[in-house]
Amino acid sequence: MILLVISGVVFLYALYVIFTQPEDRLAGSAMAFVAAALFVYYFRRRKAQREERDGDGR
């Protein structure tokens, strides 16, 4: 859950950087990409844990 919160905060900060500081747009885009990757990692890990707990592998 904490990973989800961290990725959300990083994503919001990245949007702030992209729209308010044009000279740092590349850095903001990189932060947004990292936040999206953390978000996807969180949900894949959660899905794998759920499948392991259920034991059916679906």
PDB file of N, CA and C in Angstrom:
ATOM      1  N   MET A   1       0.823  -1.194   0.000  1.00  0.00           N
ATOM      2  CA  MET A   1       0.000   0.000   0.000  1.00  0.00           C
ATOM      3  C   MET A   1       0.867   1.258   0.000  1.00  0.00           C
ATOM      4  N   ILE A   2       1.951   1.214   0.745  1.00  0.00           N
ATOM      5  CA  ILE A   2       2.822   2.381   0.799  1.00  0.00           C
ATOM      6  C   ILE A   2       3.459   2.645  -0.559  1.00  0.00           C
ATOM      7  N   LEU A   3       3.732   1.586  -1.311  1.00  0.00           N
ATOM      8  CA  LEU A   3       4.299   1.755  -2.649  1.00  0.00           C
ATOM      9  C   LEU A   3       3.311   2.466  -3.566  1.00  0.00           C
ATOM     10  N   LEU A   4       2.038   2.180  -3.413  1.00  0.00           N
ATOM     11  CA  LEU A   4       1.005   2.841  -4.201  1.00  0.00           C
ATOM     12  C   LEU A   4       0.943   4.331  -3.873  1.00  0.00           C
ATOM     13  N   VAL A   5       1.045   4.665  -2.616  1.00  0.00           N
ATOM     14  CA  VAL A   5       1.025   6.068  -2.195  1.00  0.00           C
ATOM     15  C   VAL A   5       2.260   6.795  -2.723  1.00  0.00           C
ATOM     16  N   ILE A   6       3.419   6.170  -2.605  1.00  0.00           N
ATOM     17  CA  ILE A   6       4.657   6.787  -3.084  1.00  0.00           C
ATOM     18  C   ILE A   6       4.588   7.029  -4.591  1.00  0.00           C
ATOM     19  N   SER A   7       4.114   6.041  -5.339  1.00  0.00           N
ATOM     20  CA  SER A   7       4.041   6.218  -6.789  1.00  0.00           C
ATOM     21  C   SER A   7       3.039   7.309  -7.157  1.00  0.00           C
ATOM     22  N   GLY A   8       1.957   7.425  -6.410  1.00  0.00           N
ATOM     23  CA  GLY A   8       0.991   8.489  -6.664  1.00  0.00           C
ATOM     24  C   GLY A   8       1.580   9.866  -6.404  1.00  0.00           C
ATOM     25  N   VAL A   9       2.315  10.005  -5.321  1.00  0.00           N
ATOM     26  CA  VAL A   9       2.935  11.289  -4.991  1.00  0.00           C
ATOM     27  C   VAL A   9       3.991  11.651  -6.033  1.00  0.00           C
ATOM     28  N   VAL A  10       4.802  10.697  -6.438  1.00  0.00           N
ATOM     29  CA  VAL A  10       5.829  10.957  -7.449  1.00  0.00           C
ATOM     30  C   VAL A  10       5.176  11.350  -8.769  1.00  0.00           C
ATOM     31  N   PHE A  11       4.084  10.689  -9.124  1.00  0.00           N
ATOM     32  CA  PHE A  11       3.396  11.013 -10.374  1.00  0.00           C
ATOM     33  C   PHE A  11       2.822  12.428 -10.334  1.00  0.00           C
ATOM     34  N   LEU A  12       2.198  12.789  -9.221  1.00  0.00           N
ATOM     35  CA  LEU A  12       1.654  14.146  -9.102  1.00  0.00           C
ATOM     36  C   LEU A  12       2.757  15.200  -9.154  1.00  0.00           C
ATOM     37  N   TYR A  13       3.880  14.931  -8.497  1.00  0.00           N
ATOM     38  CA  TYR A  13       5.008  15.862  -8.543  1.00  0.00           C
ATOM     39  C   TYR A  13       5.563  15.965  -9.969  1.00  0.00           C
ATOM     40  N   ALA A  14       5.607  14.832 -10.662  1.00  0.00           N
ATOM     41  CA  ALA A  14       6.087  14.851 -12.047  1.00  0.00           C
ATOM     42  C   ALA A  14       5.182  15.710 -12.921  1.00  0.00           C
ATOM     43  N   LEU A  15       3.877  15.600 -12.741  1.00  0.00           N
ATOM     44  CA  LEU A  15       2.960  16.448 -13.503  1.00  0.00           C
ATOM     45  C   LEU A  15       3.179  17.922 -13.178  1.00  0.00           C
ATOM     46  N   TYR A  16       3.408  18.214 -11.913  1.00  0.00           N
ATOM     47  CA  TYR A  16       3.696  19.592 -11.503  1.00  0.00           C
ATOM     48  C   TYR A  16       4.950  20.113 -12.216  1.00  0.00           C
ATOM     49  N   VAL A  17       5.994  19.297 -12.252  1.00  0.00           N
ATOM     50  CA  VAL A  17       7.246  19.708 -12.897  1.00  0.00           C
ATOM     51  C   VAL A  17       7.041  19.893 -14.394  1.00  0.00           C
ATOM     52  N   ILE A  18       6.315  18.982 -15.016  1.00  0.00           N
ATOM     53  CA  ILE A  18       6.097  19.059 -16.466  1.00  0.00           C
ATOM     54  C   ILE A  18       5.373  20.350 -16.846  1.00  0.00           C
ATOM     55  N   PHE A  19       4.352  20.714 -16.083  1.00  0.00           N
ATOM     56  CA  PHE A  19       3.526  21.855 -16.472  1.00  0.00           C
ATOM     57  C   PHE A  19       3.998  23.194 -15.934  1.00  0.00           C
ATOM     58  N   THR A  20       4.838  23.220 -14.918  1.00  0.00           N
ATOM     59  CA  THR A  20       5.248  24.510 -14.358  1.00  0.00           C
ATOM     60  C   THR A  20       6.700  24.875 -14.671  1.00  0.00           C
ATOM     61  N   GLN A  21       7.511  23.896 -15.045  1.00  0.00           N
ATOM     62  CA  GLN A  21       8.921  24.171 -15.314  1.00  0.00           C
ATOM     63  C   GLN A  21       9.307  23.587 -16.675  1.00  0.00           C
ATOM     64  N   PRO A  22       9.067  24.335 -17.736  1.00  0.00           N
ATOM     65  CA  PRO A  22       9.317  23.806 -19.087  1.00  0.00           C
ATOM     66  C   PRO A  22      10.758  23.341 -19.323  1.00  0.00           C
ATOM     67  N   GLU A  23      11.713  23.951 -18.637  1.00  0.00           N
ATOM     68  CA  GLU A  23      13.108  23.537 -18.848  1.00  0.00           C
ATOM     69  C   GLU A  23      13.402  22.169 -18.238  1.00  0.00           C
ATOM     70  N   ASP A  24      12.561  21.705 -17.324  1.00  0.00           N
ATOM     71  CA  ASP A  24      12.746  20.395 -16.690  1.00  0.00           C
ATOM     72  C   ASP A  24      11.710  19.374 -17.154  1.00  0.00           C
ATOM     73  N   ARG A  25      11.169  19.583 -18.332  1.00  0.00           N
ATOM     74  CA  ARG A  25      10.114  18.691 -18.833  1.00  0.00           C
ATOM     75  C   ARG A  25      10.617  17.251 -18.987  1.00  0.00           C
ATOM     76  N   LEU A  26      11.856  17.083 -19.406  1.00  0.00           N
ATOM     77  CA  LEU A  26      12.409  15.733 -19.572  1.00  0.00           C
ATOM     78  C   LEU A  26      12.510  15.020 -18.225  1.00  0.00           C
ATOM     79  N   ALA A  27      12.953  15.731 -17.206  1.00  0.00           N
ATOM     80  CA  ALA A  27      13.044  15.135 -15.869  1.00  0.00           C
ATOM     81  C   ALA A  27      11.657  14.776 -15.356  1.00  0.00           C
ATOM     82  N   GLY A  28      10.678  15.623 -15.600  1.00  0.00           N
ATOM     83  CA  GLY A  28       9.308  15.330 -15.186  1.00  0.00           C
ATOM     84  C   GLY A  28       8.763  14.106 -15.893  1.00  0.00           C
ATOM     85  N   SER A  29       9.055  13.985 -17.176  1.00  0.00           N
ATOM     86  CA  SER A  29       8.604  12.818 -17.928  1.00  0.00           C
ATOM     87  C   SER A  29       9.248  11.541 -17.388  1.00  0.00           C
ATOM     88  N   ALA A  30      10.520  11.626 -17.037  1.00  0.00           N
ATOM     89  CA  ALA A  30      11.213  10.461 -16.475  1.00  0.00           C
ATOM     90  C   ALA A  30      10.598  10.064 -15.134  1.00  0.00           C
ATOM     91  N   MET A  31      10.270  11.053 -14.305  1.00  0.00           N
ATOM     92  CA  MET A  31       9.635  10.755 -13.013  1.00  0.00           C
ATOM     93  C   MET A  31       8.265  10.133 -13.209  1.00  0.00           C
ATOM     94  N   ALA A  32       7.507  10.627 -14.196  1.00  0.00           N
ATOM     95  CA  ALA A  32       6.185  10.063 -14.471  1.00  0.00           C
ATOM     96  C   ALA A  32       6.313   8.610 -14.930  1.00  0.00           C
ATOM     97  N   PHE A  33       7.325   8.321 -15.745  1.00  0.00           N
ATOM     98  CA  PHE A  33       7.546   6.950 -16.208  1.00  0.00           C
ATOM     99  C   PHE A  33       7.887   6.034 -15.037  1.00  0.00           C
ATOM    100  N   VAL A  34       8.748   6.486 -14.150  1.00  0.00           N
ATOM    101  CA  VAL A  34       9.121   5.690 -12.972  1.00  0.00           C
ATOM    102  C   VAL A  34       7.908   5.460 -12.081  1.00  0.00           C
ATOM    103  N   ALA A  35       7.089   6.484 -11.888  1.00  0.00           N
ATOM    104  CA  ALA A  35       5.891   6.338 -11.063  1.00  0.00           C
ATOM    105  C   ALA A  35       4.923   5.336 -11.685  1.00  0.00           C
ATOM    106  N   ALA A  36       4.768   5.388 -13.001  1.00  0.00           N
ATOM    107  CA  ALA A  36       3.889   4.431 -13.673  1.00  0.00           C
ATOM    108  C   ALA A  36       4.437   3.008 -13.544  1.00  0.00           C
ATOM    109  N   ALA A  37       5.752   2.856 -13.636  1.00  0.00           N
ATOM    110  CA  ALA A  37       6.356   1.530 -13.482  1.00  0.00           C
ATOM    111  C   ALA A  37       6.142   0.995 -12.071  1.00  0.00           C
ATOM    112  N   LEU A  38       6.276   1.842 -11.055  1.00  0.00           N
ATOM    113  CA  LEU A  38       6.016   1.419  -9.676  1.00  0.00           C
ATOM    114  C   LEU A  38       4.559   1.017  -9.489  1.00  0.00           C
ATOM    115  N   PHE A  39       3.663   1.766 -10.111  1.00  0.00           N
ATOM    116  CA  PHE A  39       2.238   1.476 -10.033  1.00  0.00           C
ATOM    117  C   PHE A  39       1.930   0.094 -10.629  1.00  0.00           C
ATOM    118  N   VAL A  40       2.481  -0.177 -11.807  1.00  0.00           N
ATOM    119  CA  VAL A  40       2.277  -1.476 -12.467  1.00  0.00           C
ATOM    120  C   VAL A  40       2.900  -2.593 -11.639  1.00  0.00           C
ATOM    121  N   TYR A  41       4.109  -2.365 -11.109  1.00  0.00           N
ATOM    122  CA  TYR A  41       4.773  -3.367 -10.269  1.00  0.00           C
ATOM    123  C   TYR A  41       3.923  -3.706  -9.048  1.00  0.00           C
ATOM    124  N   TYR A  42       3.353  -2.672  -8.424  1.00  0.00           N
ATOM    125  CA  TYR A  42       2.517  -2.887  -7.239  1.00  0.00           C
ATOM    126  C   TYR A  42       1.342  -3.800  -7.564  1.00  0.00           C
ATOM    127  N   PHE A  43       0.632  -3.524  -8.655  1.00  0.00           N
ATOM    128  CA  PHE A  43      -0.551  -4.332  -8.972  1.00  0.00           C
ATOM    129  C   PHE A  43      -0.190  -5.728  -9.446  1.00  0.00           C
ATOM    130  N   ARG A  44       0.929  -5.892 -10.138  1.00  0.00           N
ATOM    131  CA  ARG A  44       1.347  -7.245 -10.533  1.00  0.00           C
ATOM    132  C   ARG A  44       1.747  -8.071  -9.307  1.00  0.00           C
ATOM    133  N   ARG A  45       2.446  -7.423  -8.367  1.00  0.00           N
ATOM    134  CA  ARG A  45       2.840  -8.124  -7.140  1.00  0.00           C
ATOM    135  C   ARG A  45       1.613  -8.506  -6.325  1.00  0.00           C
ATOM    136  N   ARG A  46       0.659  -7.592  -6.244  1.00  0.00           N
ATOM    137  CA  ARG A  46      -0.573  -7.866  -5.504  1.00  0.00           C
ATOM    138  C   ARG A  46      -1.356  -9.014  -6.142  1.00  0.00           C
ATOM    139  N   LYS A  47      -1.398  -9.040  -7.465  1.00  0.00           N
ATOM    140  CA  LYS A  47      -2.090 -10.116  -8.171  1.00  0.00           C
ATOM    141  C   LYS A  47      -1.392 -11.456  -7.924  1.00  0.00           C
ATOM    142  N   ALA A  48      -0.053 -11.464  -7.970  1.00  0.00           N
ATOM    143  CA  ALA A  48       0.701 -12.697  -7.730  1.00  0.00           C
ATOM    144  C   ALA A  48       0.487 -13.196  -6.302  1.00  0.00           C
ATOM    145  N   GLN A  49       0.450 -12.297  -5.339  1.00  0.00           N
ATOM    146  CA  GLN A  49       0.207 -12.702  -3.956  1.00  0.00           C
ATOM    147  C   GLN A  49      -1.186 -13.275  -3.795  1.00  0.00           C
ATOM    148  N   ARG A  50      -2.161 -12.679  -4.466  1.00  0.00           N
ATOM    149  CA  ARG A  50      -3.528 -13.175  -4.387  1.00  0.00           C
ATOM    150  C   ARG A  50      -3.630 -14.575  -5.000  1.00  0.00           C
ATOM    151  N   GLU A  51      -2.965 -14.775  -6.149  1.00  0.00           N
ATOM    152  CA  GLU A  51      -2.990 -16.092  -6.793  1.00  0.00           C
ATOM    153  C   GLU A  51      -2.295 -17.133  -5.925  1.00  0.00           C
ATOM    154  N   GLU A  52      -1.200 -16.749  -5.295  1.00  0.00           N
ATOM    155  CA  GLU A  52      -0.478 -17.678  -4.420  1.00  0.00           C
ATOM    156  C   GLU A  52      -1.330 -18.055  -3.222  1.00  0.00           C
ATOM    157  N   ARG A  53      -2.028 -17.089  -2.684  1.00  0.00           N
ATOM    158  CA  ARG A  53      -2.884 -17.342  -1.518  1.00  0.00           C
ATOM    159  C   ARG A  53      -4.082 -18.230  -1.904  1.00  0.00           C
ATOM    160  N   ASP A  54      -4.665 -17.977  -3.075  1.00  0.00           N
ATOM    161  CA  ASP A  54      -5.808 -18.781  -3.506  1.00  0.00           C
ATOM    162  C   ASP A  54      -5.381 -20.180  -3.902  1.00  0.00           C
ATOM    163  N   GLY A  55      -4.195 -20.317  -4.468  1.00  0.00           N
ATOM    164  CA  GLY A  55      -3.652 -21.613  -4.802  1.00  0.00           C
ATOM    165  C   GLY A  55      -4.126 -22.203  -6.110  1.00  0.00           C
ATOM    166  N   ASP A  56      -4.984 -21.495  -6.836  1.00  0.00           N
ATOM    167  CA  ASP A  56      -5.475 -22.072  -8.097  1.00  0.00           C
ATOM    168  C   ASP A  56      -4.673 -21.610  -9.308  1.00  0.00           C
ATOM    169  N   GLY A  57      -3.896 -20.552  -9.187  1.00  0.00           N
ATOM    170  CA  GLY A  57      -3.026 -20.110 -10.255  1.00  0.00           C
ATOM    171  C   GLY A  57      -3.738 -19.339 -11.353  1.00  0.00           C
ATOM    172  N   ARG A  58      -4.975 -18.965 -11.161  1.00  0.00           N
ATOM    173  CA  ARG A  58      -5.704 -18.205 -12.178  1.00  0.00           C
ATOM    174  C   ARG A  58      -5.550 -16.738 -11.963  1.00  0.00           C
TER     175      ARG A  58
END
